[in-house]
Amino acid sequence: MTSRVLVVDDDTAVRDVIVTALTDAGYDCIEAIDGSDAVAKAHAFAPDLVVLDVLMPRMSGDEVQRELRRMPRTRYIPVIFVTAQGETHDKAARFAEGADDYITKPFELEELIARVDTALRRARELRALNPLSGLPGNLAISREIERHLHEDDAAACIYCDLDHFKEFNDHYGFARGDRLIVELARLLTSLSETVNNTFVGHVGGDDFVLVAPEQEAIDLARAIVRAFDALAPTVYDPEDRARGGVVRVDRRGVER
């Protein structure tokens, strides 16, 4: 799917040059002639990225960025400033307010295209991350498995989930359950780093996937089980740990 870029500049000549370069690079471009027009079109079209001039009539680029960050629909759209203001304090201030990149006029079109490519790739990768664990999600997992199949690598897929996580969650609440998932993600990431070329992904909830070299996968799986067995008791309250578990009543009214 072609990425859509909103190009904002009150200088028609500059805007035309940027739009032509990005269009030739394969992007679908929308144009805005000033700050107010930029906000309206960002809200209407929800572009994948905004290339934004600073000094414009009606609304400056800085005001446009603040407005974009204020609105839920546009809050996470990457913004690349293109401006003649190249002072360090100008750059620092705009980065502090959420700018993703900064190009000083005059600029090379190849550099602009490269920065747009990078910002869009970074945004896609961030959207693919599980917000709780910070690990790649289902799209990245599928791509990783497909890559190994395509390259005919000797790799193994380890599927990892937690027994009785629902009961733990029901007993202690979602906040404690989330902390357990974060701890498990850290454990898996740490152990995966001991085996070269190992990928860790988070399907969701208590389900994780690791793709590891086939010859080392069984040892890695065993190491995960051992490490989690050591971690598990520490997440319970002392009285439940002393009892050896938690007691829950199932749907039929039977204690488990």
Protein backbone atom coordinates (compact mmCIF):
# COMPACT_ATOMS: atom_id res chain seq x y z
CA MET A 1 0.00 0.00 0.00
CA THR A 2 1.39 3.41 -1.02
CA SER A 3 2.22 5.73 1.85
CA ARG A 4 0.53 9.14 1.82
CA VAL A 5 2.64 12.24 2.57
CA LEU A 6 1.23 15.68 3.34
CA VAL A 7 3.61 18.37 2.02
CA VAL A 8 3.10 21.78 3.67
CA ASP A 9 4.85 24.89 2.37
CA ASP A 10 3.52 28.32 1.38
CA ASP A 11 6.26 28.62 -1.27
CA THR A 12 4.75 27.04 -4.39
CA ALA A 13 8.15 26.40 -6.02
CA VAL A 14 9.54 24.58 -2.98
CA ARG A 15 6.33 22.63 -2.52
CA ASP A 16 6.33 21.54 -6.18
CA VAL A 17 9.94 20.32 -5.97
CA ILE A 18 9.24 18.25 -2.85
CA VAL A 19 6.00 16.80 -4.22
CA THR A 20 7.64 15.86 -7.53
CA ALA A 21 10.57 14.15 -5.78
CA LEU A 22 8.35 12.20 -3.39
CA THR A 23 5.90 11.24 -6.14
CA ASP A 24 8.79 9.95 -8.26
CA ALA A 25 9.92 7.95 -5.22
CA GLY A 26 6.53 6.23 -5.11
CA TYR A 27 4.64 8.25 -2.51
CA ASP A 28 1.11 9.60 -2.79
CA CYS A 29 1.33 13.32 -1.99
CA ILE A 30 -1.23 15.80 -0.68
CA GLU A 31 -0.41 19.51 -0.73
CA ALA A 32 -1.22 22.24 1.79
CA ILE A 33 -0.51 25.90 1.11
CA ASP A 34 -0.35 27.12 4.72
CA GLY A 35 -0.72 26.00 8.33
CA SER A 36 -4.51 26.14 8.53
CA ASP A 37 -4.83 24.20 5.30
CA ALA A 38 -2.36 21.64 6.69
CA VAL A 39 -4.41 20.99 9.83
CA ALA A 40 -7.62 20.62 7.82
CA LYS A 41 -6.07 18.18 5.34
CA ALA A 42 -4.29 16.19 8.04
CA HIS A 43 -7.61 15.69 9.78
CA ALA A 44 -9.44 14.88 6.54
CA PHE A 45 -6.91 12.51 4.97
CA ALA A 46 -4.88 11.15 7.97
CA PRO A 47 -1.57 11.03 6.06
CA ASP A 48 1.18 8.62 7.01
CA LEU A 49 3.72 11.47 7.35
CA VAL A 50 3.88 15.28 7.21
CA VAL A 51 6.70 17.31 5.62
CA LEU A 52 6.29 20.69 7.28
CA ASP A 53 7.66 24.18 6.66
CA VAL A 54 8.01 26.49 9.68
CA LEU A 55 7.48 30.09 8.58
CA MET A 56 4.01 30.28 7.02
CA PRO A 57 1.03 32.64 7.14
CA ARG A 58 -2.06 32.01 9.31
CA MET A 59 -0.39 29.21 11.31
CA SER A 60 3.31 28.51 11.70
CA GLY A 61 4.74 25.03 11.36
CA ASP A 62 5.25 24.90 15.12
CA GLU A 63 1.57 25.69 15.68
CA VAL A 64 0.60 23.03 13.15
CA GLN A 65 2.65 20.40 14.93
CA ARG A 66 1.12 21.30 18.31
CA GLU A 67 -2.35 21.03 16.79
CA LEU A 68 -1.54 17.66 15.21
CA ARG A 69 -0.23 16.32 18.52
CA ARG A 70 -3.38 17.55 20.26
CA MET A 71 -5.84 15.68 18.03
CA PRO A 72 -6.21 11.91 18.59
CA ARG A 73 -6.60 11.23 14.86
CA THR A 74 -3.25 12.84 14.00
CA ARG A 75 -1.31 12.54 17.27
CA TYR A 76 1.13 9.88 16.11
CA ILE A 77 1.71 10.96 12.51
CA PRO A 78 5.48 11.48 11.97
CA VAL A 79 6.49 15.09 11.27
CA ILE A 80 9.63 16.14 9.39
CA PHE A 81 10.40 19.86 9.55
CA VAL A 82 11.94 21.49 6.46
CA THR A 83 13.14 24.97 7.31
CA ALA A 84 15.90 27.54 6.93
CA GLN A 85 16.11 27.80 10.74
CA GLY A 86 19.07 25.55 11.44
CA GLU A 87 20.14 26.78 14.87
CA THR A 88 20.64 24.08 17.48
CA HIS A 89 18.13 25.56 19.92
CA ASP A 90 15.48 25.64 17.16
CA LYS A 91 16.03 21.96 16.42
CA ALA A 92 16.08 21.02 20.11
CA ALA A 93 12.82 22.85 20.80
CA ARG A 94 11.01 21.14 17.94
CA PHE A 95 12.34 17.70 18.84
CA ALA A 96 11.16 18.32 22.41
CA GLU A 97 7.66 19.01 21.08
CA GLY A 98 7.55 15.75 19.14
CA ALA A 99 9.22 16.34 15.77
CA ASP A 100 10.55 13.15 14.21
CA ASP A 101 13.21 14.69 11.98
CA TYR A 102 14.59 18.02 10.78
CA ILE A 103 16.04 19.10 7.43
CA THR A 104 17.63 22.51 6.89
CA LYS A 105 17.12 24.43 3.65
CA PRO A 106 18.74 24.21 1.18
CA PHE A 107 18.68 20.41 1.12
CA GLU A 108 19.37 17.53 -1.25
CA LEU A 109 16.28 15.72 -2.49
CA GLU A 110 17.97 12.34 -2.01
CA GLU A 111 18.43 13.15 1.67
CA LEU A 112 14.80 14.21 2.01
CA ILE A 113 13.57 10.97 0.43
CA ALA A 114 15.89 8.92 2.65
CA ARG A 115 14.61 10.66 5.77
CA VAL A 116 10.99 10.16 4.72
CA ASP A 117 11.71 6.47 4.09
CA THR A 118 13.34 6.11 7.50
CA ALA A 119 10.60 7.93 9.41
CA LEU A 120 7.86 5.87 7.79
CA ARG A 121 9.71 2.60 8.41
CA ARG A 122 10.25 3.55 12.06
CA ALA A 123 6.56 4.44 12.43
CA ARG A 124 5.50 1.10 10.94
CA GLU A 125 7.82 -0.79 13.26
CA LEU A 126 6.53 1.09 16.30
CA ARG A 127 2.91 0.40 15.35
CA ALA A 128 3.78 -3.30 15.08
CA LEU A 129 5.14 -3.46 18.63
CA ASN A 130 2.99 -4.80 21.44
CA PRO A 131 2.35 -1.77 23.69
CA LEU A 132 2.71 -3.81 26.90
CA SER A 133 5.87 -5.81 26.23
CA GLY A 134 7.48 -3.63 23.56
CA LEU A 135 8.05 -6.78 21.48
CA PRO A 136 7.11 -7.23 17.79
CA GLY A 137 3.50 -8.29 17.25
CA ASN A 138 1.69 -10.64 14.88
CA LEU A 139 2.64 -8.95 11.61
CA ALA A 140 6.35 -9.06 12.46
CA ILE A 141 6.04 -12.66 13.71
CA SER A 142 4.45 -13.75 10.44
CA ARG A 143 7.13 -11.98 8.41
CA GLU A 144 9.90 -13.59 10.44
CA ILE A 145 8.48 -17.09 9.99
CA GLU A 146 7.88 -16.47 6.27
CA ARG A 147 11.46 -15.26 5.89
CA HIS A 148 12.85 -18.46 7.40
CA LEU A 149 10.56 -20.59 5.23
CA HIS A 150 11.57 -18.67 2.12
CA GLU A 151 15.28 -19.00 2.93
CA ASP A 152 14.81 -22.65 3.95
CA ASP A 153 16.66 -22.06 7.22
CA ALA A 154 17.00 -24.78 9.82
CA ALA A 155 14.92 -22.83 12.35
CA ALA A 156 12.38 -23.87 14.97
CA CYS A 157 9.33 -22.02 16.29
CA ILE A 158 8.87 -22.07 20.06
CA TYR A 159 5.36 -21.19 21.24
CA CYS A 160 5.29 -20.01 24.83
CA ASP A 161 2.20 -19.41 26.98
CA LEU A 162 1.37 -19.50 30.68
CA ASP A 163 -0.76 -22.19 32.30
CA HIS A 164 -3.58 -20.79 34.48
CA PHE A 165 -2.82 -17.18 33.63
CA LYS A 166 -6.55 -16.39 33.58
CA GLU A 167 -6.95 -17.60 37.15
CA PHE A 168 -3.91 -15.56 38.22
CA ASN A 169 -5.36 -12.49 36.47
CA ASP A 170 -8.80 -13.02 38.02
CA HIS A 171 -7.30 -13.35 41.51
CA TYR A 172 -4.81 -10.48 41.48
CA GLY A 173 -6.29 -8.16 38.84
CA PHE A 174 -5.15 -6.97 35.44
CA ALA A 175 -2.41 -4.65 36.74
CA ARG A 176 -0.60 -7.56 38.43
CA GLY A 177 -1.19 -9.70 35.36
CA ASP A 178 0.34 -7.03 33.14
CA ARG A 179 3.41 -6.88 35.38
CA LEU A 180 3.79 -10.63 35.03
CA ILE A 181 3.60 -10.37 31.23
CA VAL A 182 6.27 -7.66 31.26
CA GLU A 183 8.51 -9.84 33.45
CA LEU A 184 8.01 -12.78 31.09
CA ALA A 185 8.86 -10.59 28.08
CA ARG A 186 12.09 -9.51 29.80
CA LEU A 187 12.93 -13.12 30.62
CA LEU A 188 12.39 -14.27 27.04
CA THR A 189 14.36 -11.35 25.62
CA SER A 190 17.25 -11.97 27.98
CA LEU A 191 17.45 -15.68 27.19
CA SER A 192 17.05 -15.10 23.46
CA GLU A 193 20.19 -12.98 23.54
CA THR A 194 22.20 -16.04 24.58
CA VAL A 195 21.42 -17.72 21.24
CA ASN A 196 22.44 -15.96 18.03
CA ASN A 197 19.78 -15.14 15.43
CA THR A 198 16.83 -15.66 17.75
CA PHE A 199 13.63 -13.65 17.30
CA VAL A 200 11.08 -12.95 20.06
CA GLY A 201 7.52 -11.83 19.34
CA HIS A 202 4.40 -11.22 21.43
CA VAL A 203 1.19 -12.63 19.97
CA GLY A 204 -0.85 -11.04 22.76
CA GLY A 205 -1.89 -11.78 26.33
CA ASP A 206 0.32 -14.53 27.71
CA ASP A 207 1.26 -15.92 24.28
CA PHE A 208 4.77 -15.45 22.87
CA VAL A 209 6.69 -16.87 19.92
CA LEU A 210 10.43 -17.38 19.55
CA VAL A 211 12.11 -18.37 16.28
CA ALA A 212 15.52 -19.90 16.98
CA PRO A 213 18.17 -22.01 15.24
CA GLU A 214 16.84 -25.57 15.18
CA GLN A 215 19.82 -27.17 16.90
CA GLU A 216 19.56 -24.83 19.88
CA ALA A 217 15.80 -24.54 20.19
CA ILE A 218 15.21 -27.41 22.63
CA ASP A 219 17.91 -26.20 25.04
CA LEU A 220 16.49 -22.68 24.80
CA ALA A 221 12.97 -23.92 25.54
CA ARG A 222 14.22 -25.80 28.59
CA ALA A 223 16.11 -22.74 29.80
CA ILE A 224 12.90 -20.69 29.48
CA VAL A 225 10.94 -23.19 31.57
CA ARG A 226 13.63 -23.26 34.26
CA ALA A 227 13.87 -19.48 34.40
CA PHE A 228 10.11 -19.03 34.61
CA ASP A 229 9.80 -21.68 37.33
CA ALA A 230 12.25 -19.59 39.35
CA LEU A 231 10.37 -16.37 38.59
CA ALA A 232 6.82 -17.60 39.15
CA PRO A 233 6.77 -17.85 42.98
CA THR A 234 8.02 -14.27 43.30
CA VAL A 235 4.89 -12.82 41.69
CA TYR A 236 2.50 -14.23 44.33
CA ASP A 237 1.57 -12.67 47.66
CA PRO A 238 3.45 -14.26 50.59
CA GLU A 239 0.39 -16.08 51.96
CA ASP A 240 -0.46 -17.53 48.55
CA ARG A 241 3.16 -18.50 48.01
CA ALA A 242 3.20 -20.29 51.36
CA ARG A 243 -0.05 -22.08 50.48
CA GLY A 244 1.41 -23.14 47.13
CA GLY A 245 -1.08 -21.32 44.90
CA VAL A 246 -4.36 -19.44 44.76
CA VAL A 247 -7.85 -20.87 45.19
CA ARG A 248 -10.52 -19.95 42.64
CA VAL A 249 -14.09 -21.13 42.10
CA ASP A 250 -14.77 -22.22 38.52
CA ARG A 251 -17.98 -21.69 36.53
CA ARG A 252 -19.54 -24.78 38.07
CA GLY A 253 -18.89 -23.57 41.59
CA VAL A 254 -16.02 -25.98 42.20
CA GLU A 255 -12.89 -24.80 43.98
CA ARG A 256 -9.70 -25.17 41.98
